[in-house]
Amino acid sequence: MGSLGGTELLIILAIVILLFGVGRVSRIGGELGSAVANFRKGLQEGAKGKSEEAEQAETT
């Protein structure tokens, strides 16, 4: 099995648009983008919190 090329991705996108409609697909894309942004923000905050805990442990 090979990877998906550009043509295959365009065909899949066309089928998804036909099934769900343009409005719903754009809303899903926006929600997916905000979910990824929140996930990255959470990862950064988690790493920041762990580094602050490590600093506090070193000072005590």
Protein backbone atom coordinates (compact mmCIF):
# COMPACT_ATOMS: atom_id res chain seq x y z
CA MET A 1 0.00 0.00 0.00
CA GLY A 2 1.29 3.40 -0.97
CA SER A 3 0.61 6.79 0.45
CA LEU A 4 -2.16 9.06 -0.76
CA GLY A 5 -1.25 11.50 -3.51
CA GLY A 6 -2.71 14.87 -4.38
CA THR A 7 -5.31 13.50 -6.77
CA GLU A 8 -6.62 10.99 -4.25
CA LEU A 9 -6.89 13.66 -1.57
CA LEU A 10 -8.87 15.92 -3.92
CA ILE A 11 -11.28 13.09 -4.72
CA ILE A 12 -11.79 12.36 -1.02
CA LEU A 13 -12.36 16.07 -0.32
CA ALA A 14 -14.94 16.27 -3.12
CA ILE A 15 -16.82 13.25 -1.73
CA VAL A 16 -16.80 14.72 1.80
CA ILE A 17 -18.17 18.04 0.48
CA LEU A 18 -20.90 16.21 -1.41
CA LEU A 19 -21.88 14.20 1.66
CA PHE A 20 -21.81 16.95 4.29
CA GLY A 21 -22.10 20.23 2.38
CA VAL A 22 -19.76 23.19 2.26
CA GLY A 23 -21.08 24.91 5.39
CA ARG A 24 -20.71 21.89 7.61
CA VAL A 25 -17.25 21.04 6.25
CA SER A 26 -16.00 24.58 6.91
CA ARG A 27 -17.44 24.49 10.44
CA ILE A 28 -15.78 21.14 11.12
CA GLY A 29 -12.48 22.52 9.80
CA GLY A 30 -12.72 25.55 12.07
CA GLU A 31 -13.53 23.42 15.10
CA LEU A 32 -10.66 21.07 14.30
CA GLY A 33 -8.28 24.03 14.01
CA SER A 34 -9.35 25.45 17.36
CA ALA A 35 -9.03 22.02 18.96
CA VAL A 36 -5.46 21.68 17.71
CA ALA A 37 -4.64 25.19 18.95
CA ASN A 38 -6.06 24.41 22.40
CA PHE A 39 -4.14 21.13 22.49
CA ARG A 40 -0.87 22.90 21.71
CA LYS A 41 -1.64 25.56 24.32
CA GLY A 42 -2.26 22.84 26.90
CA LEU A 43 1.02 21.14 26.05
CA GLN A 44 2.92 24.41 26.46
CA GLU A 45 1.21 25.15 29.78
CA GLY A 46 1.92 21.63 31.01
CA ALA A 47 5.59 21.89 30.12
CA LYS A 48 5.76 25.33 31.73
CA GLY A 49 4.16 24.00 34.92
CA LYS A 50 6.61 21.09 35.11
CA SER A 51 9.61 23.38 34.67
CA GLU A 52 8.30 25.66 37.44
CA GLU A 53 7.84 22.64 39.73
CA ALA A 54 11.39 21.51 39.01
CA GLU A 55 12.72 24.98 39.84
CA GLN A 56 10.81 25.02 43.12
CA ALA A 57 12.11 21.55 44.04
CA GLU A 58 15.69 22.69 43.41
CA THR A 59 15.34 25.73 45.66
CA THR A 60 13.84 23.83 48.60
